[in-house]
Amino acid sequence: MNSNITNLTIKNASLKFFDEESDGEDLNVPEHKVHIRAQQYRGRKMLTTIGGLASDLDLKAITRCWKTHFNCSGNVVFDEKSNSQIIKLSGDQRLKVKEFLVGEGIVRVDEIIIAGA
């Protein structure tokens, strides 16, 4: 092991490393990641799924807001693989969703993973 690392604490799923020579600067790893994916089905039709949002958020209200602002349809479904709720929106809404989440302060930019076609 590296002898410069003197203290390793795990608190709220973030790792902090402290060196004796450093000025107390720490490396933060985000607690969770929000996955925004686009899936193509039936020719040119797209479906955007958003997963990994905090469980204390009102996902139905957020979906309702996105449906009116993005002019699309959508719903909240339970994903059995991740054992959490995800939001499904029609169309490719990846960048709009990212701008909304960062603009409203729900998540930081480094916590968002965008994937898809």
Protein backbone atom coordinates (compact mmCIF):
# COMPACT_ATOMS: atom_id res chain seq x y z
CA MET A 1 0.00 0.00 0.00
CA ASN A 2 1.00 3.57 -0.47
CA SER A 3 2.41 5.01 2.75
CA ASN A 4 1.17 8.51 1.87
CA ILE A 5 -2.44 7.47 2.39
CA THR A 6 -3.07 7.76 6.11
CA ASN A 7 -6.82 7.87 6.37
CA LEU A 8 -9.54 6.16 4.33
CA THR A 9 -13.10 6.92 5.30
CA ILE A 10 -16.24 5.74 3.60
CA LYS A 11 -19.17 8.00 4.33
CA ASN A 12 -22.38 8.10 2.29
CA ALA A 13 -20.75 6.06 -0.48
CA SER A 14 -18.06 8.66 -1.19
CA LEU A 15 -14.37 8.00 -0.75
CA LYS A 16 -12.04 10.58 0.76
CA PHE A 17 -8.27 10.24 0.64
CA PHE A 18 -6.05 12.42 2.83
CA ASP A 19 -2.28 12.76 2.46
CA GLU A 20 -0.02 14.06 5.20
CA GLU A 21 1.69 16.40 2.71
CA SER A 22 -1.57 17.68 1.20
CA ASP A 23 -3.54 20.66 2.41
CA GLY A 24 -6.66 18.61 3.18
CA GLU A 25 -7.85 18.43 -0.41
CA ASP A 26 -10.06 15.38 -0.97
CA LEU A 27 -11.30 13.39 -3.94
CA ASN A 28 -15.08 13.04 -4.01
CA VAL A 29 -16.81 10.26 -5.89
CA PRO A 30 -20.52 10.95 -6.64
CA GLU A 31 -23.02 8.97 -4.56
CA HIS A 32 -25.17 7.80 -7.46
CA LYS A 33 -25.40 8.08 -11.22
CA VAL A 34 -28.45 9.05 -13.25
CA HIS A 35 -28.64 7.03 -16.46
CA ILE A 36 -30.33 8.65 -19.46
CA ARG A 37 -30.71 6.19 -22.35
CA ALA A 38 -32.26 6.37 -25.80
CA GLN A 39 -33.56 3.20 -27.40
CA GLN A 40 -34.67 2.86 -30.98
CA TYR A 41 -37.66 0.69 -31.84
CA ARG A 42 -39.88 0.18 -34.89
CA GLY A 43 -37.85 2.00 -37.51
CA ARG A 44 -37.17 5.60 -36.50
CA LYS A 45 -39.16 5.65 -33.24
CA MET A 46 -37.17 6.50 -30.10
CA LEU A 47 -37.76 5.93 -26.39
CA THR A 48 -35.85 7.79 -23.67
CA THR A 49 -35.49 6.13 -20.25
CA ILE A 50 -34.26 7.90 -17.12
CA GLY A 51 -33.16 5.80 -14.16
CA GLY A 52 -31.22 6.31 -10.97
CA LEU A 53 -33.06 9.38 -9.69
CA ALA A 54 -33.35 9.82 -5.93
CA SER A 55 -36.23 7.97 -4.33
CA ASP A 56 -37.49 11.05 -2.47
CA LEU A 57 -38.35 12.87 -5.73
CA ASP A 58 -41.93 12.98 -7.01
CA LEU A 59 -41.33 11.19 -10.30
CA LYS A 60 -44.94 11.50 -11.43
CA ALA A 61 -44.85 15.28 -11.07
CA ILE A 62 -41.52 15.48 -12.91
CA THR A 63 -42.91 13.29 -15.70
CA ARG A 64 -46.01 15.47 -15.96
CA CYS A 65 -43.81 18.57 -16.26
CA TRP A 66 -41.62 16.98 -18.94
CA LYS A 67 -44.65 15.81 -20.92
CA THR A 68 -45.96 19.36 -21.20
CA HIS A 69 -42.61 21.08 -21.80
CA PHE A 70 -41.14 18.52 -24.22
CA ASN A 71 -44.45 17.80 -26.06
CA CYS A 72 -44.15 14.05 -25.64
CA SER A 73 -45.83 11.19 -23.84
CA GLY A 74 -44.36 9.42 -20.85
CA ASN A 75 -44.95 7.39 -17.72
CA VAL A 76 -43.26 6.05 -14.59
CA VAL A 77 -42.67 2.29 -14.47
CA PHE A 78 -41.07 -0.06 -11.95
CA ASP A 79 -37.88 -1.72 -13.20
CA GLU A 80 -37.45 -5.17 -11.69
CA LYS A 81 -33.75 -5.42 -12.63
CA SER A 82 -32.66 -2.35 -10.68
CA ASN A 83 -35.54 -2.60 -8.19
CA SER A 84 -36.39 1.09 -8.68
CA GLN A 85 -38.70 3.32 -10.68
CA ILE A 86 -37.70 4.71 -14.07
CA ILE A 87 -39.25 7.34 -16.32
CA LYS A 88 -40.00 6.54 -19.96
CA LEU A 89 -40.52 9.36 -22.49
CA SER A 90 -41.33 9.10 -26.18
CA GLY A 91 -38.78 10.56 -28.56
CA ASP A 92 -35.12 11.45 -28.08
CA GLN A 93 -35.25 13.73 -25.03
CA ARG A 94 -31.74 13.06 -23.64
CA LEU A 95 -30.30 16.56 -23.87
CA LYS A 96 -33.51 18.25 -22.70
CA VAL A 97 -33.69 15.98 -19.66
CA LYS A 98 -30.03 16.64 -18.83
CA GLU A 99 -30.52 20.42 -19.08
CA PHE A 100 -33.59 20.22 -16.85
CA LEU A 101 -31.95 18.08 -14.16
CA VAL A 102 -28.83 20.26 -14.00
CA GLY A 103 -30.77 23.53 -14.29
CA GLU A 104 -33.10 22.65 -11.43
CA GLY A 105 -30.22 21.46 -9.26
CA ILE A 106 -31.54 17.92 -8.94
CA VAL A 107 -28.21 16.36 -9.97
CA ARG A 108 -24.75 17.58 -10.94
CA VAL A 109 -23.32 17.22 -14.44
CA ASP A 110 -20.77 14.62 -13.32
CA GLU A 111 -23.58 12.39 -11.96
CA ILE A 112 -25.29 12.02 -15.37
CA ILE A 113 -24.47 9.25 -17.84
CA ILE A 114 -25.99 9.66 -21.31
CA ALA A 115 -26.12 6.58 -23.54
CA GLY A 116 -27.98 5.40 -26.57
CA ALA A 117 -28.28 5.50 -30.31
